[in-house]
Amino acid sequence: MSVEVDEVSDATHYVIIGNGAAGNEAAWHLRHRDPDSRITLITAGRLLFLNRYEFPRVLDGIDDWREFLVYPPAYYDEQRIIVRRLSWVERVDPRHRVIELRHKEQVSYDKLLVASGGGGYLPEYLREYRHLLHDFNTIKNAKQIREALPTSGGKVVMLGGDVKGLDLARTLVKAGHEVIVAASEHLFWPHEISAEEAPRYVEALEYMGMQVMHDRKVARIEAGSKGLHARRLVFDDDGGELHADVVMAFYGLMPALKFILGSGVDIARGLLVNPQLRTVDERIWAAGDVCQIWSPEENHYRFYYGWKNVKMMGRIAAINMTGGDEAVSTFKEDKLLINDQGEIDSTLWEYH
């Protein structure tokens, strides 16, 4: 195994796992707080940091990945941030302060930030149908959806109904497509809506042009017959069937943490950190969708999702990794709102 050797022995080496909003925000603040440091950002992807919240633009015909770059390539050279692309992290070894990559190279670190984000959660009973579901995590995924839909009048079924899916749904409706939300307990996730409040929020979705189906569990998903819609969904308990051009699943997020299992840090559903975003290991921090933050006010760990929250965590992690002592405001509550037009708004949709 090869081990990356420090170029400057007395320069702190910050390593960031993840190329999203949290990791890039942290890298910027680390550079400005510790100008002489080394910063390495590790990502499994082949592209630089893209604004995934802008991917719905692909449905309008914008598919050049450079349109979605948050920073131009020259930015990373100017900031002296090394980006290791197509690098899959297999294991973290806190005892020796090294990260092992899939190709067996080891990268040493002085301080580590885990900002690996997460992927869409898919219930066990749907996993055998994964190949029949469309994702929306990459530009390639978005292009595939655009190609699967007619210019207008397409039919999309969304399973689950978390806020990420509902945000995409409103874009599809405005483009003239029919959207049916097969709601589950994940409807509006991660917002928690009481049973008393739920009907008026569902009514707002319907006012926005979506159809909402309740109490329908998918029994199976099939490829459609030639000349008909591309997908056929059959529901349990004589719940009937639906035909659609595209079927998508939006059941919330599952943090990407496999590589850090067994490293000695505390993990529940996410990587557990204190309000300063530090794990039980004094050299490892976490930020973004991957971590659960201790909330003293609520006496439990909780996630904080959304572009603004994730960027805020990246900034705070960088401050504390460089000797600061800033805490996340754990009393902050993200809200699901109905605006003056009678439509749903989520504070998690505030991207800038």
Protein backbone atom coordinates (compact mmCIF):
# COMPACT_ATOMS: atom_id res chain seq x y z
CA MET A 1 0.00 0.00 0.00
CA SER A 2 1.23 3.48 -0.77
CA VAL A 3 0.87 6.22 1.81
CA GLU A 4 0.57 9.86 0.87
CA VAL A 5 3.56 11.72 2.33
CA ASP A 6 3.15 15.24 3.68
CA GLU A 7 4.70 17.82 1.39
CA VAL A 8 5.26 20.25 4.28
CA SER A 9 5.84 18.52 7.59
CA ASP A 10 4.54 21.33 9.80
CA ALA A 11 1.45 22.16 7.70
CA THR A 12 -1.82 20.76 9.02
CA HIS A 13 -3.43 18.38 6.52
CA TYR A 14 -7.21 18.66 6.47
CA VAL A 15 -8.94 15.87 4.59
CA ILE A 16 -12.59 16.16 3.60
CA ILE A 17 -14.62 13.16 2.46
CA GLY A 18 -17.38 14.48 0.22
CA ASN A 19 -17.73 16.96 -2.62
CA GLY A 20 -21.08 18.57 -1.78
CA ALA A 21 -22.15 21.82 -0.19
CA ALA A 22 -20.83 20.98 3.30
CA GLY A 23 -17.41 19.79 2.13
CA ASN A 24 -16.81 22.69 -0.25
CA GLU A 25 -18.01 25.29 2.23
CA ALA A 26 -15.67 23.82 4.85
CA ALA A 27 -12.74 23.82 2.42
CA TRP A 28 -13.20 27.52 1.66
CA HIS A 29 -13.25 28.48 5.35
CA LEU A 30 -10.34 26.18 6.19
CA ARG A 31 -8.21 27.85 3.53
CA HIS A 32 -8.97 31.34 4.82
CA ARG A 33 -8.55 30.41 8.49
CA ASP A 34 -5.37 28.38 7.99
CA PRO A 35 -3.63 29.78 4.88
CA ASP A 36 -0.57 27.52 5.16
CA SER A 37 -2.50 24.28 5.52
CA ARG A 38 -2.94 21.43 3.06
CA ILE A 39 -6.54 20.64 2.06
CA THR A 40 -7.57 17.47 0.24
CA LEU A 41 -11.15 16.87 -0.85
CA ILE A 42 -11.97 13.25 -1.72
CA THR A 43 -14.93 12.33 -3.91
CA ALA A 44 -16.12 9.21 -5.68
CA GLY A 45 -17.59 11.34 -8.48
CA ARG A 46 -15.83 12.33 -11.68
CA LEU A 47 -17.05 15.95 -11.71
CA LEU A 48 -16.37 18.94 -9.49
CA PHE A 49 -18.97 20.43 -7.14
CA LEU A 50 -22.33 20.72 -8.92
CA ASN A 51 -25.44 22.47 -7.63
CA ARG A 52 -27.81 19.49 -7.54
CA TYR A 53 -30.71 21.74 -6.61
CA GLU A 54 -30.51 23.15 -10.13
CA PHE A 55 -30.84 19.76 -11.85
CA PRO A 56 -34.54 20.35 -12.68
CA ARG A 57 -33.22 22.76 -15.33
CA VAL A 58 -32.16 19.67 -17.28
CA LEU A 59 -35.86 19.02 -17.88
CA ASP A 60 -35.95 22.37 -19.71
CA GLY A 61 -33.15 21.28 -22.02
CA ILE A 62 -30.06 22.45 -20.09
CA ASP A 63 -27.73 19.47 -19.88
CA ASP A 64 -24.18 20.81 -20.13
CA TRP A 65 -22.65 19.88 -16.77
CA ARG A 66 -20.60 23.08 -16.79
CA GLU A 67 -23.85 25.04 -16.36
CA PHE A 68 -24.17 23.50 -12.90
CA LEU A 69 -20.66 24.09 -11.61
CA VAL A 70 -20.63 26.07 -8.37
CA TYR A 71 -16.93 26.93 -8.79
CA PRO A 72 -14.83 26.88 -11.98
CA PRO A 73 -11.84 24.49 -12.04
CA ALA A 74 -9.44 27.42 -11.59
CA TYR A 75 -10.98 28.14 -8.17
CA TYR A 76 -9.49 24.96 -6.70
CA ASP A 77 -6.03 25.88 -7.99
CA GLU A 78 -6.34 29.40 -6.63
CA GLN A 79 -7.47 28.14 -3.22
CA ARG A 80 -4.88 25.32 -3.24
CA ILE A 81 -7.52 22.69 -2.65
CA ILE A 82 -6.59 19.27 -4.02
CA VAL A 83 -9.63 17.40 -5.34
CA ARG A 84 -9.21 13.62 -5.55
CA ARG A 85 -11.92 12.50 -7.99
CA LEU A 86 -13.01 8.92 -8.69
CA SER A 87 -11.63 7.97 -5.26
CA TRP A 88 -13.80 5.64 -3.20
CA VAL A 89 -13.08 5.59 0.56
CA GLU A 90 -13.08 2.04 1.90
CA ARG A 91 -12.00 2.55 5.50
CA VAL A 92 -11.01 5.16 8.06
CA ASP A 93 -8.28 4.24 10.55
CA PRO A 94 -8.35 6.86 13.36
CA ARG A 95 -5.55 5.17 15.28
CA HIS A 96 -3.04 5.80 12.49
CA ARG A 97 -4.93 8.78 11.06
CA VAL A 98 -5.17 7.36 7.57
CA ILE A 99 -7.92 6.82 5.02
CA GLU A 100 -7.76 3.74 2.83
CA LEU A 101 -9.02 4.15 -0.73
CA ARG A 102 -10.50 1.36 -2.82
CA HIS A 103 -7.39 1.10 -4.98
CA LYS A 104 -5.41 0.43 -1.76
CA GLU A 105 -3.73 3.82 -1.50
CA GLN A 106 -3.66 5.36 1.96
CA VAL A 107 -4.05 9.08 2.59
CA SER A 108 -2.88 10.46 5.93
CA TYR A 109 -4.68 13.27 7.72
CA ASP A 110 -4.23 15.50 10.74
CA LYS A 111 -7.91 16.43 10.94
CA LEU A 112 -10.78 14.78 9.09
CA LEU A 113 -14.20 16.07 8.06
CA VAL A 114 -16.79 13.51 7.01
CA ALA A 115 -19.20 15.25 4.64
CA SER A 116 -20.16 12.27 2.49
CA GLY A 117 -23.86 13.13 2.37
CA GLY A 118 -26.33 10.38 1.63
CA GLY A 119 -28.45 8.71 -0.99
CA GLY A 120 -32.15 8.18 -1.29
CA TYR A 121 -33.56 5.60 1.10
CA LEU A 122 -35.47 2.76 -0.56
CA PRO A 123 -37.68 0.42 1.51
CA GLU A 124 -36.65 -3.23 1.41
CA TYR A 125 -39.78 -4.38 -0.41
CA LEU A 126 -39.00 -2.07 -3.35
CA ARG A 127 -35.33 -2.94 -3.82
CA GLU A 128 -35.95 -5.72 -6.32
CA TYR A 129 -37.59 -3.10 -8.55
CA ARG A 130 -34.72 -0.62 -8.35
CA HIS A 131 -33.92 -1.14 -12.04
CA LEU A 132 -37.41 0.10 -12.96
CA LEU A 133 -37.15 3.30 -10.90
CA HIS A 134 -35.68 6.58 -12.14
CA ASP A 135 -33.21 8.44 -9.91
CA PHE A 136 -32.58 12.17 -9.91
CA ASN A 137 -29.12 12.32 -8.34
CA THR A 138 -27.01 13.10 -11.41
CA ILE A 139 -27.27 15.04 -14.65
CA LYS A 140 -27.33 11.70 -16.45
CA ASN A 141 -30.35 10.64 -14.35
CA ALA A 142 -32.12 13.90 -15.17
CA LYS A 143 -31.47 13.41 -18.90
CA GLN A 144 -32.93 9.90 -18.71
CA ILE A 145 -36.13 11.27 -17.18
CA ARG A 146 -36.34 13.97 -19.84
CA GLU A 147 -35.96 11.32 -22.56
CA ALA A 148 -38.58 9.08 -20.94
CA LEU A 149 -41.20 11.85 -20.90
CA PRO A 150 -42.96 13.43 -23.85
CA THR A 151 -42.54 17.19 -24.26
CA SER A 152 -45.71 17.64 -22.21
CA GLY A 153 -48.48 15.38 -21.02
CA GLY A 154 -46.19 12.79 -19.48
CA LYS A 155 -47.17 10.79 -16.43
CA VAL A 156 -44.98 10.49 -13.34
CA VAL A 157 -45.65 8.47 -10.18
CA MET A 158 -43.71 9.52 -7.08
CA LEU A 159 -43.57 7.01 -4.24
CA GLY A 160 -43.14 8.28 -0.68
CA GLY A 161 -43.37 12.04 -1.14
CA ASP A 162 -40.47 13.64 0.74
CA VAL A 163 -39.77 17.36 0.22
CA LYS A 164 -37.04 16.72 -2.35
CA GLY A 165 -39.52 14.79 -4.47
CA LEU A 166 -42.26 17.38 -4.00
CA ASP A 167 -39.89 20.12 -5.14
CA LEU A 168 -39.22 18.19 -8.33
CA ALA A 169 -42.94 17.45 -8.67
CA ARG A 170 -43.86 21.13 -8.82
CA THR A 171 -41.31 21.58 -11.64
CA LEU A 172 -42.83 18.66 -13.56
CA VAL A 173 -46.37 19.99 -13.11
CA LYS A 174 -45.34 23.41 -14.41
CA ALA A 175 -43.86 21.65 -17.45
CA GLY A 176 -47.27 20.15 -18.21
CA HIS A 177 -46.81 16.65 -16.82
CA GLU A 178 -49.21 14.71 -14.63
CA VAL A 179 -47.77 13.86 -11.21
CA ILE A 180 -49.32 11.31 -8.88
CA VAL A 181 -47.88 11.11 -5.36
CA ALA A 182 -48.39 7.68 -3.80
CA ALA A 183 -48.01 8.98 -0.26
CA SER A 184 -46.43 7.04 2.59
CA GLU A 185 -45.45 7.97 6.13
CA HIS A 186 -42.56 9.83 4.43
CA LEU A 187 -44.89 12.44 2.92
CA PHE A 188 -43.33 15.88 3.60
CA TRP A 189 -40.24 14.26 5.21
CA PRO A 190 -38.19 15.53 7.04
CA HIS A 191 -40.97 17.86 8.21
CA GLU A 192 -43.20 16.36 10.86
CA ILE A 193 -46.84 17.18 10.16
CA SER A 194 -49.52 16.24 12.68
CA ALA A 195 -52.57 14.23 11.63
CA GLU A 196 -54.73 17.30 12.27
CA GLU A 197 -52.59 19.53 10.01
CA ALA A 198 -51.98 17.02 7.21
CA PRO A 199 -55.26 17.50 5.26
CA ARG A 200 -54.65 21.19 4.54
CA TYR A 201 -51.11 20.48 3.33
CA VAL A 202 -52.38 17.70 1.08
CA GLU A 203 -55.03 20.11 -0.20
CA ALA A 204 -52.25 22.58 -1.03
CA LEU A 205 -50.42 19.92 -3.06
CA GLU A 206 -53.61 19.21 -4.98
CA TYR A 207 -54.06 22.95 -5.56
CA MET A 208 -50.52 22.92 -7.03
CA GLY A 209 -51.68 20.32 -9.56
CA MET A 210 -50.53 17.06 -7.97
CA GLN A 211 -52.74 14.06 -7.30
CA VAL A 212 -52.21 12.48 -3.88
CA MET A 213 -53.05 8.84 -3.19
CA HIS A 214 -53.14 7.49 0.38
CA ASP A 215 -52.94 4.00 1.88
CA ARG A 216 -51.62 2.34 -1.27
CA LYS A 217 -48.61 0.05 -0.89
CA VAL A 218 -46.88 -1.14 -4.04
CA ALA A 219 -47.13 -4.90 -4.56
CA ARG A 220 -44.97 -4.93 -7.69
CA ILE A 221 -43.61 -2.78 -10.50
CA GLU A 222 -43.42 -4.06 -14.05
CA ALA A 223 -42.17 -2.85 -17.40
CA GLY A 224 -45.13 -1.66 -19.47
CA SER A 225 -46.40 -3.30 -22.61
CA LYS A 226 -45.26 -2.11 -26.02
CA GLY A 227 -47.17 0.94 -27.17
CA LEU A 228 -48.32 1.75 -23.62
CA HIS A 229 -46.70 3.57 -20.69
CA ALA A 230 -43.23 2.31 -19.76
CA ARG A 231 -44.18 1.27 -16.21
CA ARG A 232 -47.07 -0.56 -14.55
CA LEU A 233 -47.60 -0.41 -10.79
CA VAL A 234 -49.82 -2.88 -8.99
CA PHE A 235 -50.94 -2.09 -5.44
CA ASP A 236 -51.70 -4.40 -2.50
CA ASP A 237 -55.18 -5.18 -1.17
CA ASP A 238 -56.99 -4.63 -4.46
CA GLY A 239 -55.68 -1.08 -4.60
CA GLY A 240 -55.75 -1.22 -8.37
CA GLU A 241 -52.93 -0.32 -10.72
CA LEU A 242 -51.32 2.68 -12.37
CA HIS A 243 -49.47 3.17 -15.63
CA ALA A 244 -46.75 5.78 -15.95
CA ASP A 245 -43.83 6.93 -18.07
CA VAL A 246 -41.60 7.39 -15.02
CA VAL A 247 -41.69 6.02 -11.47
CA MET A 248 -39.50 7.62 -8.79
CA ALA A 249 -38.97 6.92 -5.09
CA PHE A 250 -38.61 9.69 -2.50
CA TYR A 251 -38.47 8.16 0.98
CA GLY A 252 -35.93 10.46 2.60
CA LEU A 253 -32.16 10.12 2.85
CA MET A 254 -29.85 7.39 4.08
CA PRO A 255 -26.41 8.70 5.16
CA ALA A 256 -23.35 7.29 3.35
CA LEU A 257 -21.37 5.82 6.24
CA LYS A 258 -20.26 2.32 5.32
CA PHE A 259 -16.60 3.30 5.11
CA ILE A 260 -16.44 4.50 8.73
CA LEU A 261 -18.14 1.52 10.39
CA GLY A 262 -15.83 -0.07 12.94
CA SER A 263 -13.65 3.02 13.28
CA GLY A 264 -14.71 3.69 16.88
CA VAL A 265 -16.87 6.75 16.26
CA ASP A 266 -20.50 6.64 17.41
CA ILE A 267 -23.11 5.93 14.75
CA ALA A 268 -26.89 5.63 14.94
CA ARG A 269 -28.72 6.33 11.69
CA GLY A 270 -26.08 8.99 11.05
CA LEU A 271 -22.66 9.88 12.42
CA LEU A 272 -23.23 11.28 15.93
CA VAL A 273 -21.65 14.64 16.73
CA ASN A 274 -21.91 17.30 19.41
CA PRO A 275 -23.20 20.83 18.60
CA GLN A 276 -19.62 21.74 17.61
CA LEU A 277 -19.87 18.92 15.02
CA ARG A 278 -17.09 16.86 16.56
CA THR A 279 -17.35 13.09 16.95
CA VAL A 280 -16.03 11.20 19.97
CA ASP A 281 -12.67 11.21 18.15
CA GLU A 282 -11.04 14.58 18.75
CA ARG A 283 -9.64 14.66 15.19
CA ILE A 284 -12.83 13.78 13.31
CA TRP A 285 -15.76 16.11 12.57
CA ALA A 286 -18.86 15.64 10.42
CA ALA A 287 -21.16 18.00 8.54
CA GLY A 288 -24.18 17.84 6.26
CA ASP A 289 -26.69 15.08 5.63
CA VAL A 290 -24.36 12.45 7.05
CA CYS A 291 -24.51 13.55 10.69
CA GLN A 292 -26.93 13.64 13.59
CA ILE A 293 -26.31 16.57 15.92
CA TRP A 294 -26.95 16.48 19.65
CA SER A 295 -29.70 18.92 20.60
CA PRO A 296 -29.54 19.85 24.30
CA GLU A 297 -32.97 21.52 24.04
CA GLU A 298 -34.62 18.32 22.82
CA ASN A 299 -32.32 15.86 24.59
CA HIS A 300 -31.72 13.74 21.49
CA TYR A 301 -29.77 13.65 18.22
CA ARG A 302 -31.37 15.03 15.07
CA PHE A 303 -30.66 15.68 11.40
CA TYR A 304 -30.67 19.11 9.75
CA TYR A 305 -31.31 19.04 6.01
CA GLY A 306 -31.37 21.64 3.27
CA TRP A 307 -28.83 23.73 1.35
CA LYS A 308 -28.55 26.52 3.94
CA ASN A 309 -28.24 24.14 6.89
CA VAL A 310 -25.61 22.05 5.13
CA LYS A 311 -23.52 25.09 4.19
CA MET A 312 -23.82 26.41 7.73
CA MET A 313 -22.47 23.11 9.06
CA GLY A 314 -19.53 23.22 6.67
CA ARG A 315 -18.61 26.67 7.93
CA ILE A 316 -18.94 25.74 11.61
CA ALA A 317 -16.94 22.55 11.17
CA ALA A 318 -14.09 24.53 9.58
CA ILE A 319 -14.13 27.09 12.37
CA ASN A 320 -13.89 24.40 15.04
CA MET A 321 -11.30 22.34 13.16
CA THR A 322 -9.08 25.44 13.25
CA GLY A 323 -9.41 26.09 16.98
CA GLY A 324 -12.77 27.83 17.20
CA ASP A 325 -15.70 26.94 19.43
CA GLU A 326 -18.91 27.69 17.53
CA ALA A 327 -22.03 25.58 18.00
CA VAL A 328 -24.87 24.77 15.65
CA SER A 329 -28.12 26.44 16.71
CA THR A 330 -29.95 23.21 17.45
CA PHE A 331 -33.18 24.96 18.38
CA LYS A 332 -33.60 26.06 14.75
CA GLU A 333 -36.73 24.53 13.28
CA ASP A 334 -37.27 24.11 9.56
CA LYS A 335 -40.85 24.72 8.56
CA LEU A 336 -43.36 23.60 5.97
CA LEU A 337 -45.52 26.54 5.01
CA ILE A 338 -48.52 27.38 2.87
CA ASN A 339 -47.85 30.68 1.13
CA ASP A 340 -50.25 33.46 0.17
CA GLN A 341 -50.94 31.70 -3.15
CA GLY A 342 -52.12 28.59 -1.32
CA GLU A 343 -49.08 26.55 -2.34
CA ILE A 344 -46.58 24.57 -0.28
CA ASP A 345 -43.28 26.21 0.62
CA SER A 346 -40.48 24.64 2.61
CA THR A 347 -37.58 26.49 4.20
CA LEU A 348 -35.49 23.57 2.87
CA TRP A 349 -36.16 24.87 -0.68
CA GLU A 350 -34.19 28.06 0.00
CA TYR A 351 -31.06 27.30 -1.98
CA HIS A 352 -29.18 30.56 -2.03
